[in-house]
C-alpha atoms as a PDB file:
ATOM      1  CA  MET A   1     127.192  75.977 185.382  1.00  0.00           C
ATOM      2  CA  MET A   2     130.891  75.577 186.170  1.00  0.00           C
ATOM      3  CA  LEU A   3     130.710  78.009 189.099  1.00  0.00           C
ATOM      4  CA  PRO A   4     127.996  76.073 191.006  1.00  0.00           C
ATOM      5  CA  ILE A   5     129.867  72.830 190.312  1.00  0.00           C
ATOM      6  CA  LEU A   6     133.087  74.360 191.622  1.00  0.00           C
ATOM      7  CA  ILE A   7     131.333  75.607 194.760  1.00  0.00           C
ATOM      8  CA  SER A   8     129.798  72.144 195.266  1.00  0.00           C
ATOM      9  CA  SER A   9     133.223  70.539 194.992  1.00  0.00           C
ATOM     10  CA  VAL A  10     134.674  72.872 197.635  1.00  0.00           C
ATOM     11  CA  VAL A  11     131.770  72.207 200.017  1.00  0.00           C
ATOM     12  CA  ALA A  12     132.027  68.440 199.469  1.00  0.00           C
ATOM     13  CA  LEU A  13     135.775  68.496 200.106  1.00  0.00           C
ATOM     14  CA  ALA A  14     135.268  70.478 203.320  1.00  0.00           C
ATOM     15  CA  ILE A  15     132.618  68.033 204.546  1.00  0.00           C
ATOM     16  CA  VAL A  16     134.799  65.005 203.775  1.00  0.00           C
ATOM     17  CA  GLY A  17     137.723  66.495 205.680  1.00  0.00           C
ATOM     18  CA  GLU A  18     135.568  67.487 208.658  1.00  0.00           C
ATOM     19  CA  ARG A  19     133.865  64.079 208.858  1.00  0.00           C
ATOM     20  CA  PHE A  20     137.169  62.218 208.641  1.00  0.00           C
ATOM     21  CA  TRP A  21     138.374  64.254 211.611  1.00  0.00           C
ATOM     22  CA  THR A  22     135.144  63.958 213.594  1.00  0.00           C
ATOM     23  CA  LEU A  23     134.173  60.330 212.937  1.00  0.00           C
ATOM     24  CA  ARG A  24     137.213  58.757 214.541  1.00  0.00           C
ATOM     25  CA  PRO A  25     136.116  55.628 216.433  1.00  0.00           C
ATOM     26  CA  ASN A  26     138.757  56.019 219.138  1.00  0.00           C
ATOM     27  CA  LYS A  27     137.564  59.573 219.776  1.00  0.00           C
ATOM     28  CA  LEU A  28     133.841  58.826 219.738  1.00  0.00           C
ATOM     29  CA  ALA A  29     133.894  55.506 221.579  1.00  0.00           C
ATOM     30  CA  PRO A  30     137.244  55.006 223.367  1.00  0.00           C
ATOM     31  CA  PRO A  31     137.763  51.295 224.060  1.00  0.00           C
ATOM     32  CA  GLY A  32     138.743  51.962 227.673  1.00  0.00           C
ATOM     33  CA  THR A  33     135.538  53.784 228.623  1.00  0.00           C
ATOM     34  CA  LEU A  34     133.406  50.776 229.590  1.00  0.00           C
ATOM     35  CA  PRO A  35     136.198  48.995 231.542  1.00  0.00           C
ATOM     36  CA  GLN A  36     136.815  52.260 233.403  1.00  0.00           C
ATOM     37  CA  VAL A  37     133.142  52.518 234.366  1.00  0.00           C
ATOM     38  CA  ARG A  38     133.101  48.849 235.365  1.00  0.00           C
ATOM     39  CA  GLY A  39     136.063  49.489 237.673  1.00  0.00           C
ATOM     40  CA  TRP A  40     134.342  52.460 239.301  1.00  0.00           C
ATOM     41  CA  LEU A  41     131.213  50.418 239.917  1.00  0.00           C
ATOM     42  CA  LYS A  42     133.079  47.459 241.402  1.00  0.00           C
ATOM     43  CA  LYS A  43     135.086  49.690 243.717  1.00  0.00           C
ATOM     44  CA  GLY A  44     132.143  51.910 244.638  1.00  0.00           C
ATOM     45  CA  GLN A  45     133.969  54.974 243.323  1.00  0.00           C
ATOM     46  CA  LEU A  46     131.216  56.330 241.110  1.00  0.00           C
ATOM     47  CA  ASN A  47     130.244  59.877 242.063  1.00  0.00           C
ATOM     48  CA  ALA A  48     128.939  63.079 240.498  1.00  0.00           C
ATOM     49  CA  GLN A  49     132.414  64.337 239.583  1.00  0.00           C
ATOM     50  CA  ARG A  50     133.299  61.128 237.761  1.00  0.00           C
ATOM     51  CA  LEU A  51     129.963  61.198 235.934  1.00  0.00           C
ATOM     52  CA  LYS A  52     130.689  64.758 234.811  1.00  0.00           C
ATOM     53  CA  THR A  53     134.168  63.739 233.622  1.00  0.00           C
ATOM     54  CA  LEU A  54     132.733  60.713 231.823  1.00  0.00           C
ATOM     55  CA  ARG A  55     130.124  62.847 230.082  1.00  0.00           C
ATOM     56  CA  GLU A  56     132.753  65.279 228.816  1.00  0.00           C
ATOM     57  CA  GLU A  57     135.214  62.654 227.598  1.00  0.00           C
ATOM     58  CA  SER A  58     133.359  61.319 224.545  1.00  0.00           C
ATOM     59  CA  PRO A  59     129.915  60.748 222.991  1.00  0.00           C
ATOM     60  CA  LEU A  60     129.969  57.201 224.386  1.00  0.00           C
ATOM     61  CA  GLY A  61     130.726  58.702 227.796  1.00  0.00           C
ATOM     62  CA  ARG A  62     127.656  60.953 227.424  1.00  0.00           C
ATOM     63  CA  ILE A  63     125.456  57.929 226.804  1.00  0.00           C
ATOM     64  CA  LEU A  64     126.873  55.880 229.662  1.00  0.00           C
ATOM     65  CA  ALA A  65     126.810  58.813 232.093  1.00  0.00           C
ATOM     66  CA  THR A  66     123.150  59.463 231.286  1.00  0.00           C
ATOM     67  CA  GLY A  67     122.340  55.812 231.911  1.00  0.00           C
ATOM     68  CA  LEU A  68     124.229  55.764 235.210  1.00  0.00           C
ATOM     69  CA  ALA A  69     122.533  58.957 236.363  1.00  0.00           C
ATOM     70  CA  ASN A  70     119.141  57.259 235.896  1.00  0.00           C
ATOM     71  CA  ALA A  71     120.161  53.778 237.041  1.00  0.00           C
ATOM     72  CA  ARG A  72     118.442  54.154 240.424  1.00  0.00           C
ATOM     73  CA  HIS A  73     115.058  54.445 238.703  1.00  0.00           C
ATOM     74  CA  GLY A  74     115.201  50.896 237.368  1.00  0.00           C
ATOM     75  CA  ARG A  75     116.232  49.065 234.226  1.00  0.00           C
ATOM     76  CA  ASP A  76     113.474  50.438 231.977  1.00  0.00           C
ATOM     77  CA  ILE A  77     114.050  54.082 232.864  1.00  0.00           C
ATOM     78  CA  MET A  78     117.803  53.602 232.507  1.00  0.00           C
ATOM     79  CA  LYS A  79     117.344  52.103 229.040  1.00  0.00           C
ATOM     80  CA  GLU A  80     114.971  54.893 227.987  1.00  0.00           C
ATOM     81  CA  SER A  81     117.385  57.594 229.104  1.00  0.00           C
ATOM     82  CA  ILE A  82     120.215  55.875 227.212  1.00  0.00           C
ATOM     83  CA  GLN A  83     118.094  55.673 224.056  1.00  0.00           C
ATOM     84  CA  GLU A  84     117.145  59.349 224.253  1.00  0.00           C
ATOM     85  CA  GLU A  85     120.764  60.431 224.689  1.00  0.00           C
ATOM     86  CA  ALA A  86     121.898  58.060 221.934  1.00  0.00           C
ATOM     87  CA  THR A  87     119.405  59.645 219.530  1.00  0.00           C
ATOM     88  CA  GLY A  88     121.091  63.017 220.000  1.00  0.00           C
ATOM     89  CA  VAL A  89     124.553  61.494 219.627  1.00  0.00           C
ATOM     90  CA  VAL A  90     123.631  59.714 216.382  1.00  0.00           C
ATOM     91  CA  HIS A  91     122.142  62.947 215.052  1.00  0.00           C
ATOM     92  CA  ASP A  92     125.482  64.654 215.661  1.00  0.00           C
ATOM     93  CA  LEU A  93     127.345  61.797 213.950  1.00  0.00           C
ATOM     94  CA  GLU A  94     125.182  62.173 210.842  1.00  0.00           C
ATOM     95  CA  LYS A  95     125.801  65.915 210.639  1.00  0.00           C
ATOM     96  CA  TYR A  96     126.489  67.189 207.089  1.00  0.00           C
ATOM     97  CA  LEU A  97     125.987  63.730 205.540  1.00  0.00           C
ATOM     98  CA  SER A  98     122.678  64.750 204.002  1.00  0.00           C
ATOM     99  CA  THR A  99     124.408  67.764 202.435  1.00  0.00           C
ATOM    100  CA  LEU A 100     127.111  65.511 201.010  1.00  0.00           C
ATOM    101  CA  GLY A 101     124.452  63.189 199.591  1.00  0.00           C
ATOM    102  CA  SER A 102     122.641  66.153 198.034  1.00  0.00           C
ATOM    103  CA  ILE A 103     125.835  67.320 196.338  1.00  0.00           C
ATOM    104  CA  ALA A 104     126.365  63.813 194.967  1.00  0.00           C
ATOM    105  CA  ALA A 105     122.863  63.909 193.458  1.00  0.00           C
ATOM    106  CA  ILE A 106     122.882  67.492 192.196  1.00  0.00           C
ATOM    107  CA  ALA A 107     126.381  67.775 190.682  1.00  0.00           C
ATOM    108  CA  PRO A 108     125.684  65.530 187.645  1.00  0.00           C
ATOM    109  CA  LEU A 109     122.428  67.387 186.999  1.00  0.00           C
ATOM    110  CA  LEU A 110     124.234  70.723 187.067  1.00  0.00           C
ATOM    111  CA  GLY A 111     126.765  69.306 184.617  1.00  0.00           C
ATOM    112  CA  LEU A 112     124.037  68.013 182.332  1.00  0.00           C
ATOM    113  CA  LEU A 113     122.229  71.352 182.471  1.00  0.00           C
ATOM    114  CA  GLY A 114     125.439  73.134 181.504  1.00  0.00           C
ATOM    115  CA  THR A 115     125.895  70.777 178.552  1.00  0.00           C
ATOM    116  CA  VAL A 116     122.311  71.292 177.388  1.00  0.00           C
ATOM    117  CA  ILE A 117     122.709  75.084 177.543  1.00  0.00           C
ATOM    118  CA  GLY A 118     126.012  74.810 175.666  1.00  0.00           C
ATOM    119  CA  MET A 119     124.473  72.616 172.964  1.00  0.00           C
ATOM    120  CA  ILE A 120     121.600  75.085 172.569  1.00  0.00           C
ATOM    121  CA  ASP A 121     124.170  77.830 171.935  1.00  0.00           C
ATOM    122  CA  VAL A 122     126.017  75.621 169.430  1.00  0.00           C
ATOM    123  CA  PHE A 123     122.862  74.836 167.437  1.00  0.00           C
ATOM    124  CA  ALA A 124     121.837  78.493 167.525  1.00  0.00           C
ATOM    125  CA  ALA A 125     125.236  79.376 166.023  1.00  0.00           C
ATOM    126  CA  ILE A 126     124.764  76.692 163.349  1.00  0.00           C
ATOM    127  CA  MET A 127     121.386  78.155 162.397  1.00  0.00           C
ATOM    128  CA  MET A 128     122.909  81.617 162.027  1.00  0.00           C
ATOM    129  CA  HIS A 129     126.265  80.837 160.404  1.00  0.00           C
ATOM    130  CA  GLY A 130     125.926  77.305 159.044  1.00  0.00           C
ATOM    131  CA  THR A 131     128.440  74.476 159.525  1.00  0.00           C
ATOM    132  CA  GLY A 132     131.245  75.912 157.454  1.00  0.00           C
ATOM    133  CA  ASP A 133     133.895  75.829 160.247  1.00  0.00           C
ATOM    134  CA  ALA A 134     133.934  72.252 161.506  1.00  0.00           C
ATOM    135  CA  ALA A 135     136.778  72.904 163.948  1.00  0.00           C
ATOM    136  CA  GLN A 136     134.911  75.737 165.631  1.00  0.00           C
ATOM    137  CA  LEU A 137     131.771  73.600 165.799  1.00  0.00           C
ATOM    138  CA  ALA A 138     133.668  70.703 167.398  1.00  0.00           C
ATOM    139  CA  GLY A 139     135.253  73.111 169.875  1.00  0.00           C
ATOM    140  CA  GLY A 140     131.859  74.411 170.923  1.00  0.00           C
ATOM    141  CA  ILE A 141     130.500  70.905 171.458  1.00  0.00           C
ATOM    142  CA  SER A 142     133.621  69.904 173.398  1.00  0.00           C
ATOM    143  CA  GLN A 143     133.290  72.949 175.646  1.00  0.00           C
ATOM    144  CA  ALA A 144     129.624  72.159 176.272  1.00  0.00           C
ATOM    145  CA  LEU A 145     130.490  68.618 177.387  1.00  0.00           C
ATOM    146  CA  LEU A 146     133.033  69.863 179.938  1.00  0.00           C
ATOM    147  CA  THR A 147     130.344  70.684 182.477  1.00  0.00           C
ATOM    148  CA  THR A 148     128.995  67.118 182.387  1.00  0.00           C
ATOM    149  CA  ALA A 149     132.490  65.770 182.978  1.00  0.00           C
ATOM    150  CA  ALA A 150     133.046  68.246 185.820  1.00  0.00           C
ATOM    151  CA  GLY A 151     129.726  67.278 187.442  1.00  0.00           C
ATOM    152  CA  LEU A 152     130.635  63.596 187.340  1.00  0.00           C
ATOM    153  CA  VAL A 153     134.101  64.283 188.757  1.00  0.00           C
ATOM    154  CA  VAL A 154     132.445  65.919 191.768  1.00  0.00           C
ATOM    155  CA  ALA A 155     129.565  63.440 192.130  1.00  0.00           C
ATOM    156  CA  ILE A 156     131.465  60.136 192.018  1.00  0.00           C
ATOM    157  CA  PRO A 157     133.761  60.833 195.013  1.00  0.00           C
ATOM    158  CA  ALA A 158     130.842  62.458 196.874  1.00  0.00           C
ATOM    159  CA  ILE A 159     128.753  59.284 196.492  1.00  0.00           C
ATOM    160  CA  PHE A 160     131.658  57.121 197.632  1.00  0.00           C
ATOM    161  CA  PHE A 161     132.412  59.172 200.740  1.00  0.00           C
ATOM    162  CA  HIS A 162     128.729  59.579 201.609  1.00  0.00           C
ATOM    163  CA  ARG A 163     128.270  55.808 201.713  1.00  0.00           C
ATOM    164  CA  PHE A 164     131.613  55.381 203.483  1.00  0.00           C
ATOM    165  CA  PHE A 165     130.631  57.756 206.289  1.00  0.00           C
ATOM    166  CA  VAL A 166     127.110  56.332 206.588  1.00  0.00           C
ATOM    167  CA  ARG A 167     128.672  52.900 207.074  1.00  0.00           C
ATOM    168  CA  ARG A 168     131.115  54.255 209.649  1.00  0.00           C
ATOM    169  CA  VAL A 169     128.291  55.894 211.609  1.00  0.00           C
ATOM    170  CA  GLU A 170     126.412  52.587 211.610  1.00  0.00           C
ATOM    171  CA  GLU A 171     129.450  50.720 212.936  1.00  0.00           C
ATOM    172  CA  ILE A 172     130.094  53.288 215.667  1.00  0.00           C
ATOM    173  CA  THR A 173     126.407  53.278 216.630  1.00  0.00           C
ATOM    174  CA  VAL A 174     126.358  49.480 216.957  1.00  0.00           C
ATOM    175  CA  GLY A 175     129.469  49.592 219.148  1.00  0.00           C
ATOM    176  CA  MET A 176     127.914  52.214 221.409  1.00  0.00           C
ATOM    177  CA  GLU A 177     124.685  50.208 221.647  1.00  0.00           C
ATOM    178  CA  GLN A 178     126.600  47.111 222.731  1.00  0.00           C
ATOM    179  CA  SER A 179     128.477  49.095 225.385  1.00  0.00           C
ATOM    180  CA  ALA A 180     125.204  50.536 226.683  1.00  0.00           C
ATOM    181  CA  VAL A 181     123.633  47.061 226.892  1.00  0.00           C
ATOM    182  CA  HIS A 182     126.648  45.772 228.822  1.00  0.00           C
ATOM    183  CA  LEU A 183     126.333  48.693 231.227  1.00  0.00           C
ATOM    184  CA  VAL A 184     122.644  48.016 231.869  1.00  0.00           C
ATOM    185  CA  ASP A 185     123.413  44.343 232.508  1.00  0.00           C
ATOM    186  CA  LEU A 186     126.269  45.322 234.780  1.00  0.00           C
ATOM    187  CA  VAL A 187     124.088  47.608 236.897  1.00  0.00           C
ATOM    188  CA  HIS A 188     120.855  45.630 236.948  1.00  0.00           C
ATOM    189  CA  GLY A 189     122.070  42.092 236.397  1.00  0.00           C
ATOM    190  CA  GLU A 190     121.871  39.839 233.367  1.00  0.00           C
ATOM    191  CA  ARG A 191     118.764  39.898 231.228  1.00  0.00           C
ATOM    192  CA  GLU A 192     116.229  37.151 231.746  1.00  0.00           C
ATOM    193  CA  ALA A 193     116.495  34.205 229.385  1.00  0.00           C
ATOM    194  CA  THR A 194     113.814  33.789 226.769  1.00  0.00           C
ATOM    195  CA  PRO A 195     111.635  30.645 226.873  1.00  0.00           C
ATOM    196  CA  GLY A 196     113.613  27.620 225.756  1.00  0.00           C
ATOM    197  CA  GLN A 197     116.948  29.333 226.375  1.00  0.00           C
ATOM    198  CA  THR A 198     119.446  27.926 228.806  1.00  0.00           C
ATOM    199  CA  PRO A 199     120.107  30.020 231.928  1.00  0.00           C
ATOM    200  CA  GLY A 200     123.049  32.398 231.584  1.00  0.00           C
ATOM    201  CA  GLU A 201     122.790  32.464 227.789  1.00  0.00           C
ATOM    202  CA  LYS A 202     122.252  35.970 226.410  1.00  0.00           C
ATOM    203  CA  THR A 203     119.814  36.777 223.664  1.00  0.00           C
END
């Protein structure tokens, strides 16, 4: 079972490195994107070329560009188009995280399976040769337990990084959602106040 555990550790390490590189907040949602769009709108400089540039700059730019492209159809259509594009963006952000979570769940089981197989071999040897050599018996048990230790060594960091990246995706998603809401309000005016709410106060 050591070979599958080793392969799992290599895959998990590759995913962690790739996600650290990909899930950089400044790359996914640059803080200057919304102010830049606001400036274009105020100056009447928004055109097809700028929308294309915005779409190619970042995932947040994709969402905002999609909303702006559908802004003329009204608030509801603009919001729907933003939500549809955001669904694809979030799917990309969560890429490989399910694999990392699976490795975190499977690695300890592989280790336990290796230990069980090793203990079966040890008891089979005891049945055939007895317990005359205690040192050899202890060595066999120790070797059988190595796979459990190896599985835990792989699983514990995998669980930590899986939860870390899930949390990062959530934070980035919330930031993008807030930017999209600000854009809709900027294009179509402030949202209407709910009953009992003072005018100008946002929900």
